[in-house]
Amino acid sequence: MFTEYINKIYNGLASVKFDVLMWIVFGTFAAIFAAVLVLSLLVPKMRSASKRPFLCLVNAYAALTLTAFLTDNDLAQSVLAAVIFWCAGYIAYGVLCFLSKSKQVKIVQSQVAVSSMPVVQPPRPQPNNVRQEIPAAKSTVRLEHAISVTDRLLQKNLGKGDRQELEKLKNTLAVLQMKGTLTPSESDILNDNFNALLKLMAKYNV
């Protein structure tokens, strides 16, 4: 069965004139090469794609050339024609690879040139939320004196509301004492607390 199919194929090829057959073989290969060449030059994806499928096509067309020559020539002449075509196909494959690599090299060189350019860093804006060190304002009220007055008032027979207020003042003064150097806002707090102490001192005759 397989022999019959092969004979039919061979007879079909033999029935075609040799020159016409070779024009078909070489013409289709040349058309494929021209199409791949143009696409490689114009389409980036095609340019970066592997050219090994074209190499497989060269091997297939070399075998096809051998078969076509055997329909009208001896084995030695057919093998020589297939070898010549195979060499020409490899040269075409080398041209495609060379053009693809040369394009890729130019792209890489342009990328390297751009990346090697000095990058100008814009000046960094100064953050607005940076805490400025504010020198402590000079307060006319001595913290130690306010604490001593608070202690003397706590020894008095105070009302419940006054005692609670005085204990809050004492806690605030203790926190300010731990901080040491006071900022302007903290000095204002100290002054307000001392004014409250003055009212309690006048109330309880301290």
N, C-alpha and C. Protein backbone atom coordinates (compact mmCIF):
# COMPACT_ATOMS: atom_id res chain seq x y z
N MET A 1 0.82 -1.21 0.00
CA MET A 1 0.00 0.00 0.00
C MET A 1 0.86 1.26 0.00
N PHE A 2 1.86 1.29 0.89
CA PHE A 2 2.73 2.47 0.96
C PHE A 2 3.54 2.63 -0.32
N THR A 3 3.93 1.49 -0.92
CA THR A 3 4.68 1.56 -2.16
C THR A 3 3.86 2.19 -3.28
N GLU A 4 2.60 1.88 -3.29
CA GLU A 4 1.73 2.46 -4.31
C GLU A 4 1.62 3.97 -4.16
N TYR A 5 1.48 4.43 -2.90
CA TYR A 5 1.41 5.86 -2.67
C TYR A 5 2.70 6.57 -3.11
N ILE A 6 3.82 5.94 -2.79
CA ILE A 6 5.11 6.55 -3.17
C ILE A 6 5.23 6.59 -4.70
N ASN A 7 4.81 5.54 -5.34
CA ASN A 7 4.89 5.51 -6.81
C ASN A 7 3.99 6.57 -7.44
N LYS A 8 2.82 6.77 -6.82
CA LYS A 8 1.92 7.80 -7.34
C LYS A 8 2.53 9.18 -7.20
N ILE A 9 3.16 9.42 -6.03
CA ILE A 9 3.80 10.72 -5.82
C ILE A 9 4.95 10.91 -6.79
N TYR A 10 5.75 9.87 -6.96
CA TYR A 10 6.90 9.96 -7.88
C TYR A 10 6.43 10.18 -9.31
N ASN A 11 5.42 9.47 -9.71
CA ASN A 11 4.90 9.63 -11.07
C ASN A 11 4.32 11.02 -11.28
N GLY A 12 3.67 11.56 -10.20
CA GLY A 12 3.13 12.91 -10.30
C GLY A 12 4.23 13.93 -10.49
N LEU A 13 5.33 13.78 -9.73
CA LEU A 13 6.46 14.70 -9.88
C LEU A 13 7.13 14.53 -11.24
N ALA A 14 7.23 13.27 -11.68
CA ALA A 14 7.90 13.01 -12.96
C ALA A 14 7.10 13.53 -14.14
N SER A 15 5.79 13.63 -13.95
CA SER A 15 4.97 14.12 -15.05
C SER A 15 5.12 15.62 -15.27
N VAL A 16 5.61 16.32 -14.25
CA VAL A 16 5.84 17.75 -14.39
C VAL A 16 7.20 17.97 -15.03
N LYS A 17 7.29 18.92 -15.92
CA LYS A 17 8.57 19.21 -16.55
C LYS A 17 9.59 19.60 -15.49
N PHE A 18 10.83 19.18 -15.72
CA PHE A 18 11.87 19.38 -14.73
C PHE A 18 12.09 20.85 -14.44
N ASP A 19 12.15 21.69 -15.47
CA ASP A 19 12.39 23.12 -15.27
C ASP A 19 11.25 23.76 -14.47
N VAL A 20 10.02 23.36 -14.79
CA VAL A 20 8.88 23.90 -14.05
C VAL A 20 8.94 23.46 -12.59
N LEU A 21 9.30 22.22 -12.34
CA LEU A 21 9.39 21.71 -10.98
C LEU A 21 10.44 22.46 -10.18
N MET A 22 11.59 22.71 -10.80
CA MET A 22 12.66 23.42 -10.08
C MET A 22 12.28 24.88 -9.82
N TRP A 23 11.56 25.48 -10.80
CA TRP A 23 11.10 26.86 -10.56
C TRP A 23 10.14 26.91 -9.38
N ILE A 24 9.31 25.90 -9.27
CA ILE A 24 8.39 25.85 -8.13
C ILE A 24 9.16 25.73 -6.82
N VAL A 25 10.13 24.82 -6.79
CA VAL A 25 10.89 24.60 -5.55
C VAL A 25 11.69 25.84 -5.17
N PHE A 26 12.49 26.34 -6.11
CA PHE A 26 13.33 27.50 -5.80
C PHE A 26 12.51 28.77 -5.62
N GLY A 27 11.42 28.89 -6.40
CA GLY A 27 10.59 30.10 -6.30
C GLY A 27 9.89 30.21 -4.95
N THR A 28 9.31 29.10 -4.48
CA THR A 28 8.65 29.15 -3.18
C THR A 28 9.64 29.41 -2.05
N PHE A 29 10.84 28.84 -2.15
CA PHE A 29 11.84 29.09 -1.11
C PHE A 29 12.27 30.55 -1.11
N ALA A 30 12.49 31.10 -2.32
CA ALA A 30 12.89 32.51 -2.42
C ALA A 30 11.79 33.43 -1.87
N ALA A 31 10.54 33.08 -2.14
CA ALA A 31 9.43 33.90 -1.64
C ALA A 31 9.37 33.85 -0.11
N ILE A 32 9.55 32.66 0.45
CA ILE A 32 9.54 32.54 1.91
C ILE A 32 10.70 33.32 2.53
N PHE A 33 11.88 33.22 1.92
CA PHE A 33 13.03 33.96 2.44
C PHE A 33 12.79 35.47 2.40
N ALA A 34 12.25 35.95 1.28
CA ALA A 34 11.99 37.39 1.15
C ALA A 34 10.97 37.86 2.18
N ALA A 35 9.93 37.04 2.42
CA ALA A 35 8.91 37.41 3.40
C ALA A 35 9.50 37.47 4.80
N VAL A 36 10.30 36.48 5.15
CA VAL A 36 10.92 36.46 6.49
C VAL A 36 11.89 37.63 6.64
N LEU A 37 12.62 37.95 5.59
CA LEU A 37 13.57 39.05 5.63
C LEU A 37 12.86 40.39 5.87
N VAL A 38 11.79 40.63 5.13
CA VAL A 38 11.05 41.89 5.27
C VAL A 38 10.42 41.99 6.66
N LEU A 39 9.82 40.91 7.12
CA LEU A 39 9.20 40.92 8.45
C LEU A 39 10.24 41.12 9.55
N SER A 40 11.43 40.55 9.36
CA SER A 40 12.48 40.72 10.37
C SER A 40 12.97 42.16 10.45
N LEU A 41 12.94 42.85 9.32
CA LEU A 41 13.38 44.24 9.29
C LEU A 41 12.32 45.20 9.81
N LEU A 42 11.05 44.85 9.67
CA LEU A 42 9.97 45.78 9.99
C LEU A 42 9.28 45.48 11.31
N VAL A 43 9.19 44.23 11.67
CA VAL A 43 8.43 43.84 12.87
C VAL A 43 9.41 43.48 13.99
N PRO A 44 9.39 44.20 15.11
CA PRO A 44 10.34 43.91 16.20
C PRO A 44 10.20 42.50 16.75
N LYS A 45 8.95 42.01 16.92
CA LYS A 45 8.76 40.67 17.46
C LYS A 45 9.34 39.61 16.54
N MET A 46 9.15 39.81 15.23
CA MET A 46 9.70 38.87 14.27
C MET A 46 11.22 38.94 14.24
N ARG A 47 11.76 40.15 14.44
CA ARG A 47 13.21 40.32 14.43
C ARG A 47 13.87 39.61 15.61
N SER A 48 13.22 39.67 16.76
CA SER A 48 13.79 39.05 17.96
C SER A 48 13.46 37.56 18.07
N ALA A 49 12.58 37.07 17.21
CA ALA A 49 12.20 35.65 17.27
C ALA A 49 13.34 34.76 16.77
N SER A 50 13.30 33.50 17.20
CA SER A 50 14.32 32.54 16.77
C SER A 50 14.18 32.23 15.29
N LYS A 51 15.33 32.08 14.62
CA LYS A 51 15.33 31.78 13.18
C LYS A 51 15.55 30.28 12.91
N ARG A 52 15.48 29.47 13.93
CA ARG A 52 15.67 28.04 13.75
C ARG A 52 14.58 27.39 12.87
N PRO A 53 13.32 27.86 12.95
CA PRO A 53 12.33 27.29 12.02
C PRO A 53 12.73 27.47 10.55
N PHE A 54 13.36 28.61 10.23
CA PHE A 54 13.82 28.81 8.85
C PHE A 54 14.93 27.82 8.51
N LEU A 55 15.78 27.51 9.50
CA LEU A 55 16.83 26.53 9.27
C LEU A 55 16.24 25.15 8.99
N CYS A 56 15.19 24.78 9.70
CA CYS A 56 14.51 23.52 9.43
C CYS A 56 13.90 23.52 8.03
N LEU A 57 13.40 24.69 7.61
CA LEU A 57 12.85 24.82 6.26
C LEU A 57 13.94 24.62 5.21
N VAL A 58 15.14 25.11 5.47
CA VAL A 58 16.26 24.92 4.53
C VAL A 58 16.56 23.44 4.37
N ASN A 59 16.59 22.71 5.48
CA ASN A 59 16.87 21.27 5.39
C ASN A 59 15.77 20.54 4.61
N ALA A 60 14.52 20.96 4.85
CA ALA A 60 13.41 20.31 4.13
C ALA A 60 13.49 20.60 2.63
N TYR A 61 13.81 21.84 2.27
CA TYR A 61 13.91 22.19 0.84
C TYR A 61 15.13 21.54 0.20
N ALA A 62 16.19 21.29 0.96
CA ALA A 62 17.35 20.58 0.41
C ALA A 62 16.95 19.15 0.03
N ALA A 63 16.17 18.52 0.91
CA ALA A 63 15.68 17.17 0.59
C ALA A 63 14.73 17.21 -0.60
N LEU A 64 13.90 18.26 -0.67
CA LEU A 64 12.99 18.40 -1.80
C LEU A 64 13.76 18.62 -3.10
N THR A 65 14.85 19.36 -3.03
CA THR A 65 15.69 19.58 -4.21
C THR A 65 16.31 18.27 -4.70
N LEU A 66 16.78 17.48 -3.73
CA LEU A 66 17.34 16.17 -4.08
C LEU A 66 16.30 15.31 -4.78
N THR A 67 15.09 15.30 -4.23
CA THR A 67 14.03 14.49 -4.83
C THR A 67 13.66 14.98 -6.24
N ALA A 68 13.58 16.29 -6.39
CA ALA A 68 13.23 16.85 -7.70
C ALA A 68 14.29 16.55 -8.75
N PHE A 69 15.56 16.63 -8.36
CA PHE A 69 16.63 16.34 -9.33
C PHE A 69 16.68 14.88 -9.70
N LEU A 70 16.30 14.01 -8.76
CA LEU A 70 16.33 12.58 -9.06
C LEU A 70 15.31 12.18 -10.12
N THR A 71 14.31 13.03 -10.34
CA THR A 71 13.31 12.71 -11.37
C THR A 71 13.86 12.85 -12.79
N ASP A 72 15.02 13.53 -12.92
CA ASP A 72 15.53 13.76 -14.28
C ASP A 72 17.04 13.64 -14.37
N ASN A 73 17.71 13.34 -13.23
CA ASN A 73 19.17 13.29 -13.24
C ASN A 73 19.65 12.08 -12.44
N ASP A 74 20.97 11.84 -12.56
CA ASP A 74 21.57 10.75 -11.80
C ASP A 74 21.71 11.14 -10.33
N LEU A 75 22.09 10.13 -9.52
CA LEU A 75 22.20 10.36 -8.07
C LEU A 75 23.30 11.37 -7.74
N ALA A 76 24.44 11.25 -8.39
CA ALA A 76 25.56 12.15 -8.09
C ALA A 76 25.19 13.60 -8.37
N GLN A 77 24.57 13.84 -9.52
CA GLN A 77 24.16 15.21 -9.85
C GLN A 77 23.08 15.72 -8.88
N SER A 78 22.19 14.85 -8.50
CA SER A 78 21.12 15.24 -7.58
C SER A 78 21.67 15.60 -6.20
N VAL A 79 22.62 14.79 -5.72
CA VAL A 79 23.24 15.08 -4.42
C VAL A 79 24.00 16.39 -4.46
N LEU A 80 24.73 16.62 -5.57
CA LEU A 80 25.47 17.87 -5.70
C LEU A 80 24.52 19.07 -5.70
N ALA A 81 23.40 18.96 -6.40
CA ALA A 81 22.43 20.07 -6.44
C ALA A 81 21.84 20.32 -5.05
N ALA A 82 21.56 19.22 -4.32
CA ALA A 82 21.01 19.37 -2.97
C ALA A 82 22.02 20.03 -2.03
N VAL A 83 23.29 19.66 -2.17
CA VAL A 83 24.34 20.25 -1.33
C VAL A 83 24.50 21.74 -1.64
N ILE A 84 24.48 22.10 -2.93
CA ILE A 84 24.60 23.52 -3.31
C ILE A 84 23.42 24.31 -2.75
N PHE A 85 22.23 23.74 -2.89
CA PHE A 85 21.06 24.44 -2.35
C PHE A 85 21.16 24.55 -0.83
N TRP A 86 21.61 23.50 -0.17
CA TRP A 86 21.74 23.51 1.30
C TRP A 86 22.71 24.60 1.74
N CYS A 87 23.83 24.76 1.04
CA CYS A 87 24.80 25.82 1.37
C CYS A 87 24.18 27.20 1.16
N ALA A 88 23.45 27.37 0.06
CA ALA A 88 22.80 28.66 -0.20
C ALA A 88 21.74 28.95 0.86
N GLY A 89 21.02 27.92 1.27
CA GLY A 89 20.03 28.10 2.34
C GLY A 89 20.67 28.49 3.65
N TYR A 90 21.82 27.92 3.98
CA TYR A 90 22.52 28.29 5.21
C TYR A 90 23.03 29.72 5.15
N ILE A 91 23.45 30.14 3.97
CA ILE A 91 23.87 31.54 3.82
C ILE A 91 22.68 32.48 4.07
N ALA A 92 21.51 32.11 3.53
CA ALA A 92 20.31 32.92 3.76
C ALA A 92 19.96 32.94 5.25
N TYR A 93 20.11 31.80 5.90
CA TYR A 93 19.86 31.73 7.35
C TYR A 93 20.82 32.63 8.11
N GLY A 94 22.10 32.62 7.68
CA GLY A 94 23.09 33.50 8.33
C GLY A 94 22.77 34.97 8.14
N VAL A 95 22.26 35.32 6.96
CA VAL A 95 21.87 36.72 6.71
C VAL A 95 20.76 37.14 7.66
N LEU A 96 19.76 36.30 7.85
CA LEU A 96 18.66 36.62 8.76
C LEU A 96 19.15 36.79 10.20
N CYS A 97 20.02 35.88 10.61
CA CYS A 97 20.56 35.98 11.98
C CYS A 97 21.41 37.23 12.15
N PHE A 98 22.20 37.58 11.11
CA PHE A 98 23.06 38.76 11.19
C PHE A 98 22.22 40.04 11.29
N LEU A 99 21.20 40.14 10.48
CA LEU A 99 20.36 41.33 10.51
C LEU A 99 19.63 41.46 11.84
N SER A 100 19.16 40.34 12.37
CA SER A 100 18.45 40.37 13.65
C SER A 100 19.38 40.80 14.77
N LYS A 101 20.60 40.25 14.79
CA LYS A 101 21.53 40.59 15.86
C LYS A 101 22.01 42.02 15.75
N SER A 102 22.23 42.49 14.50
CA SER A 102 22.69 43.87 14.34
C SER A 102 21.64 44.86 14.82
N LYS A 103 20.38 44.58 14.56
CA LYS A 103 19.31 45.44 15.04
C LYS A 103 19.24 45.42 16.56
N GLN A 104 19.37 44.22 17.14
CA GLN A 104 19.32 44.10 18.59
C GLN A 104 20.48 44.82 19.24
N VAL A 105 21.68 44.73 18.61
CA VAL A 105 22.84 45.42 19.16
C VAL A 105 22.63 46.92 19.16
N LYS A 106 22.04 47.46 18.06
CA LYS A 106 21.79 48.90 18.00
C LYS A 106 20.81 49.32 19.09
N ILE A 107 19.79 48.50 19.33
CA ILE A 107 18.82 48.82 20.38
C ILE A 107 19.47 48.81 21.74
N VAL A 108 20.31 47.79 21.99
CA VAL A 108 21.00 47.71 23.29
C VAL A 108 21.94 48.88 23.48
N GLN A 109 22.67 49.26 22.39
CA GLN A 109 23.59 50.38 22.50
C GLN A 109 22.85 51.68 22.80
N SER A 110 21.70 51.87 22.16
CA SER A 110 20.93 53.08 22.43
C SER A 110 20.42 53.09 23.87
N GLN A 111 20.02 51.91 24.38
CA GLN A 111 19.56 51.84 25.76
C GLN A 111 20.69 52.12 26.72
N VAL A 112 21.89 51.58 26.41
CA VAL A 112 23.04 51.82 27.27
C VAL A 112 23.42 53.29 27.27
N ALA A 113 23.35 53.92 26.07
CA ALA A 113 23.68 55.34 25.98
C ALA A 113 22.73 56.19 26.81
N VAL A 114 21.46 55.83 26.75
CA VAL A 114 20.48 56.59 27.53
C VAL A 114 20.68 56.37 29.02
N SER A 115 20.95 55.11 29.41
CA SER A 115 21.12 54.81 30.82
C SER A 115 22.41 55.39 31.39
N SER A 116 23.42 55.61 30.51
CA SER A 116 24.69 56.16 31.00
C SER A 116 24.65 57.67 31.16
N MET A 117 23.63 58.31 30.68
CA MET A 117 23.52 59.76 30.84
C MET A 117 23.30 60.10 32.31
N PRO A 118 23.95 61.16 32.78
CA PRO A 118 23.77 61.51 34.19
C PRO A 118 22.34 61.91 34.48
N VAL A 119 21.85 61.39 35.55
CA VAL A 119 20.48 61.69 35.95
C VAL A 119 20.51 62.88 36.90
N VAL A 120 19.80 63.91 36.52
CA VAL A 120 19.75 65.12 37.34
C VAL A 120 18.64 64.94 38.37
N GLN A 121 19.05 64.91 39.61
CA GLN A 121 18.08 64.76 40.68
C GLN A 121 17.50 66.12 41.03
N PRO A 122 16.18 66.23 41.03
CA PRO A 122 15.58 67.51 41.43
C PRO A 122 15.81 67.76 42.91
N PRO A 123 15.95 69.03 43.27
CA PRO A 123 16.16 69.32 44.69
C PRO A 123 15.00 68.84 45.52
N ARG A 124 15.35 68.20 46.60
CA ARG A 124 14.32 67.67 47.47
C ARG A 124 13.68 68.80 48.27
N PRO A 125 12.37 68.89 48.22
CA PRO A 125 11.72 69.94 49.01
C PRO A 125 11.85 69.65 50.49
N GLN A 126 12.07 70.70 51.23
CA GLN A 126 12.17 70.56 52.66
C GLN A 126 10.79 70.29 53.24
N PRO A 127 10.65 69.24 54.02
CA PRO A 127 9.33 68.94 54.58
C PRO A 127 8.87 70.05 55.50
N ASN A 128 7.57 70.35 55.37
CA ASN A 128 7.01 71.42 56.17
C ASN A 128 6.71 71.00 57.59
N ASN A 129 6.63 69.65 57.77
CA ASN A 129 6.24 69.19 59.09
C ASN A 129 7.44 68.88 59.98
N VAL A 130 8.64 69.35 59.56
CA VAL A 130 9.80 69.14 60.42
C VAL A 130 9.68 70.03 61.64
N ARG A 131 9.85 69.41 62.77
CA ARG A 131 9.69 70.15 64.00
C ARG A 131 10.87 71.06 64.23
N GLN A 132 10.62 72.30 64.33
CA GLN A 132 11.67 73.28 64.58
C GLN A 132 11.96 73.33 66.08
N GLU A 133 13.23 73.38 66.38
CA GLU A 133 13.62 73.51 67.78
C GLU A 133 13.41 74.94 68.24
N ILE A 134 12.50 75.13 69.13
CA ILE A 134 12.18 76.46 69.62
C ILE A 134 12.84 76.66 70.97
N PRO A 135 13.58 77.69 71.10
CA PRO A 135 14.21 77.91 72.40
C PRO A 135 13.16 78.15 73.47
N ALA A 136 13.43 77.64 74.63
CA ALA A 136 12.48 77.77 75.73
C ALA A 136 12.33 79.23 76.13
N ALA A 137 11.08 79.63 76.30
CA ALA A 137 10.82 81.02 76.69
C ALA A 137 11.13 81.20 78.18
N LYS A 138 11.61 82.34 78.48
CA LYS A 138 11.92 82.64 79.87
C LYS A 138 10.63 82.93 80.62
N SER A 139 10.36 82.18 81.62
CA SER A 139 9.14 82.35 82.40
C SER A 139 9.49 83.04 83.71
N THR A 140 8.59 83.92 84.11
CA THR A 140 8.79 84.64 85.37
C THR A 140 8.34 83.83 86.58
N VAL A 141 7.72 82.71 86.29
CA VAL A 141 7.22 81.87 87.37
C VAL A 141 8.18 80.71 87.58
N ARG A 142 8.58 80.52 88.80
CA ARG A 142 9.46 79.41 89.09
C ARG A 142 8.63 78.16 89.33
N LEU A 143 9.00 77.08 88.64
CA LEU A 143 8.27 75.83 88.75
C LEU A 143 8.35 75.25 90.16
N GLU A 144 9.52 75.38 90.76
CA GLU A 144 9.67 74.84 92.11
C GLU A 144 8.76 75.56 93.10
N HIS A 145 8.63 76.86 92.94
CA HIS A 145 7.76 77.62 93.84
C HIS A 145 6.30 77.19 93.69
N ALA A 146 5.87 76.94 92.41
CA ALA A 146 4.49 76.49 92.18
C ALA A 146 4.25 75.14 92.82
N ILE A 147 5.23 74.25 92.76
CA ILE A 147 5.06 72.92 93.36
C ILE A 147 4.98 73.01 94.88
N SER A 148 5.83 73.88 95.47
CA SER A 148 5.79 74.02 96.93
C SER A 148 4.46 74.62 97.41
N VAL A 149 3.92 75.57 96.64
CA VAL A 149 2.61 76.13 96.99
C VAL A 149 1.54 75.05 96.91
N THR A 150 1.63 74.19 95.87
CA THR A 150 0.65 73.10 95.72
C THR A 150 0.71 72.17 96.93
N ASP A 151 1.90 71.84 97.39
CA ASP A 151 2.03 70.95 98.56
C ASP A 151 1.43 71.59 99.81
N ARG A 152 1.64 72.88 100.00
CA ARG A 152 1.08 73.55 101.18
C ARG A 152 -0.44 73.59 101.12
N LEU A 153 -1.00 73.81 99.92
CA LEU A 153 -2.45 73.84 99.79
C LEU A 153 -3.07 72.48 100.06
N LEU A 154 -2.38 71.41 99.64
CA LEU A 154 -2.92 70.08 99.86
C LEU A 154 -2.99 69.72 101.35
N GLN A 155 -2.21 70.42 102.18
CA GLN A 155 -2.25 70.18 103.63
C GLN A 155 -3.45 70.87 104.30
N LYS A 156 -4.09 71.74 103.56
CA LYS A 156 -5.24 72.47 104.09
C LYS A 156 -6.50 71.61 104.00
N ASN A 157 -7.51 72.03 104.70
CA ASN A 157 -8.80 71.37 104.66
C ASN A 157 -9.56 71.92 103.45
N LEU A 158 -9.37 71.28 102.33
CA LEU A 158 -9.91 71.78 101.07
C LEU A 158 -11.26 71.15 100.78
N GLY A 159 -12.04 71.87 99.99
CA GLY A 159 -13.27 71.28 99.49
C GLY A 159 -12.96 70.20 98.46
N LYS A 160 -13.95 69.36 98.21
CA LYS A 160 -13.73 68.23 97.30
C LYS A 160 -13.35 68.70 95.90
N GLY A 161 -14.07 69.71 95.39
CA GLY A 161 -13.77 70.20 94.05
C GLY A 161 -12.42 70.87 93.96
N ASP A 162 -12.07 71.66 95.04
CA ASP A 162 -10.76 72.33 95.04
C ASP A 162 -9.64 71.31 95.13
N ARG A 163 -9.83 70.26 95.93
CA ARG A 163 -8.78 69.24 96.07
C ARG A 163 -8.55 68.52 94.74
N GLN A 164 -9.64 68.18 94.06
CA GLN A 164 -9.48 67.52 92.76
C GLN A 164 -8.76 68.41 91.75
N GLU A 165 -9.14 69.70 91.76
CA GLU A 165 -8.48 70.63 90.84
C GLU A 165 -7.01 70.78 91.19
N LEU A 166 -6.70 70.81 92.51
CA LEU A 166 -5.30 70.97 92.94
C LEU A 166 -4.47 69.74 92.60
N GLU A 167 -5.07 68.57 92.70
CA GLU A 167 -4.34 67.35 92.35
C GLU A 167 -4.02 67.32 90.85
N LYS A 168 -4.96 67.79 90.03
CA LYS A 168 -4.69 67.88 88.59
C LYS A 168 -3.56 68.86 88.31
N LEU A 169 -3.58 70.00 89.05
CA LEU A 169 -2.50 70.97 88.87
C LEU A 169 -1.16 70.38 89.27
N LYS A 170 -1.15 69.60 90.33
CA LYS A 170 0.10 69.01 90.80
C LYS A 170 0.64 68.02 89.77
N ASN A 171 -0.25 67.22 89.20
CA ASN A 171 0.19 66.26 88.17
C ASN A 171 0.77 66.99 86.96
N THR A 172 0.11 68.09 86.57
CA THR A 172 0.61 68.86 85.42
C THR A 172 1.97 69.46 85.72
N LEU A 173 2.13 69.99 86.94
CA LEU A 173 3.41 70.58 87.33
C LEU A 173 4.51 69.52 87.41
N ALA A 174 4.14 68.30 87.84
CA ALA A 174 5.13 67.22 87.92
C ALA A 174 5.63 66.84 86.52
N VAL A 175 4.70 66.83 85.55
CA VAL A 175 5.11 66.52 84.17
C VAL A 175 6.02 67.60 83.63
N LEU A 176 5.68 68.88 83.90
CA LEU A 176 6.53 69.97 83.43
C LEU A 176 7.89 69.94 84.09
N GLN A 177 7.93 69.53 85.35
CA GLN A 177 9.21 69.45 86.06
C GLN A 177 10.10 68.38 85.46
N MET A 178 9.50 67.27 85.02
CA MET A 178 10.28 66.18 84.39
C MET A 178 10.86 66.61 83.05
N LYS A 179 10.16 67.47 82.33
CA LYS A 179 10.65 67.91 81.02
C LYS A 179 11.86 68.81 81.13
N GLY A 180 12.02 69.51 82.22
CA GLY A 180 13.18 70.39 82.37
C GLY A 180 12.94 71.71 81.66
N THR A 181 13.61 71.91 80.52
CA THR A 181 13.46 73.14 79.75
C THR A 181 12.08 73.17 79.09
N LEU A 182 11.38 74.28 79.26
CA LEU A 182 10.01 74.39 78.77
C LEU A 182 9.95 75.17 77.47
N THR A 183 9.03 74.75 76.60
CA THR A 183 8.76 75.48 75.37
C THR A 183 7.81 76.64 75.69
N PRO A 184 7.62 77.57 74.76
CA PRO A 184 6.70 78.69 75.03
C PRO A 184 5.29 78.24 75.41
N SER A 185 4.78 77.21 74.72
CA SER A 185 3.43 76.74 75.05
C SER A 185 3.38 76.13 76.44
N GLU A 186 4.44 75.41 76.81
CA GLU A 186 4.49 74.82 78.15
C GLU A 186 4.63 75.90 79.22
N SER A 187 5.33 76.95 78.90
CA SER A 187 5.42 78.06 79.85
C SER A 187 4.07 78.72 80.06
N ASP A 188 3.27 78.81 78.98
CA ASP A 188 1.92 79.35 79.10
C ASP A 188 1.06 78.48 80.02
N ILE A 189 1.22 77.16 79.87
CA ILE A 189 0.47 76.24 80.75
C ILE A 189 0.87 76.46 82.21
N LEU A 190 2.17 76.64 82.42
CA LEU A 190 2.65 76.88 83.79
C LEU A 190 2.06 78.17 84.35
N ASN A 191 2.02 79.19 83.54
CA ASN A 191 1.45 80.47 84.00
C ASN A 191 -0.03 80.33 84.34
N ASP A 192 -0.78 79.59 83.50
CA ASP A 192 -2.21 79.38 83.77
C ASP A 192 -2.41 78.62 85.08
N ASN A 193 -1.58 77.59 85.29
CA ASN A 193 -1.69 76.82 86.53
C ASN A 193 -1.33 77.66 87.76
N PHE A 194 -0.33 78.52 87.58
CA PHE A 194 0.05 79.36 88.71
C PHE A 194 -1.04 80.38 89.03
N ASN A 195 -1.73 80.88 88.02
CA ASN A 195 -2.85 81.79 88.26
C ASN A 195 -3.96 81.09 89.03
N ALA A 196 -4.19 79.79 88.67
CA ALA A 196 -5.19 79.02 89.43
C ALA A 196 -4.73 78.83 90.87
N LEU A 197 -3.43 78.64 91.08
CA LEU A 197 -2.90 78.49 92.44
C LEU A 197 -3.08 79.77 93.25
N LEU A 198 -2.89 80.92 92.57
CA LEU A 198 -3.05 82.18 93.28
C LEU A 198 -4.48 82.34 93.81
N LYS A 199 -5.44 81.89 93.01
CA LYS A 199 -6.84 81.98 93.46
C LYS A 199 -7.08 81.09 94.68
N LEU A 200 -6.47 79.88 94.63
CA LEU A 200 -6.65 78.99 95.79
C LEU A 200 -5.88 79.50 97.00
N MET A 201 -4.73 80.13 96.80
CA MET A 201 -3.97 80.69 97.91
C MET A 201 -4.76 81.81 98.60
N ALA A 202 -5.40 82.64 97.76
CA ALA A 202 -6.21 83.72 98.34
C ALA A 202 -7.43 83.16 99.05
N LYS A 203 -7.98 82.09 98.56
CA LYS A 203 -9.18 81.48 99.15
C LYS A 203 -8.88 80.87 100.50
N TYR A 204 -7.69 80.20 100.60
CA TYR A 204 -7.35 79.48 101.83
C TYR A 204 -6.25 80.18 102.63
N ASN A 205 -5.96 81.43 102.33
CA ASN A 205 -5.01 82.25 103.09
C ASN A 205 -3.64 81.56 103.23
N VAL A 206 -3.08 81.13 102.10
CA VAL A 206 -1.74 80.52 102.10
C VAL A 206 -0.73 81.57 101.71
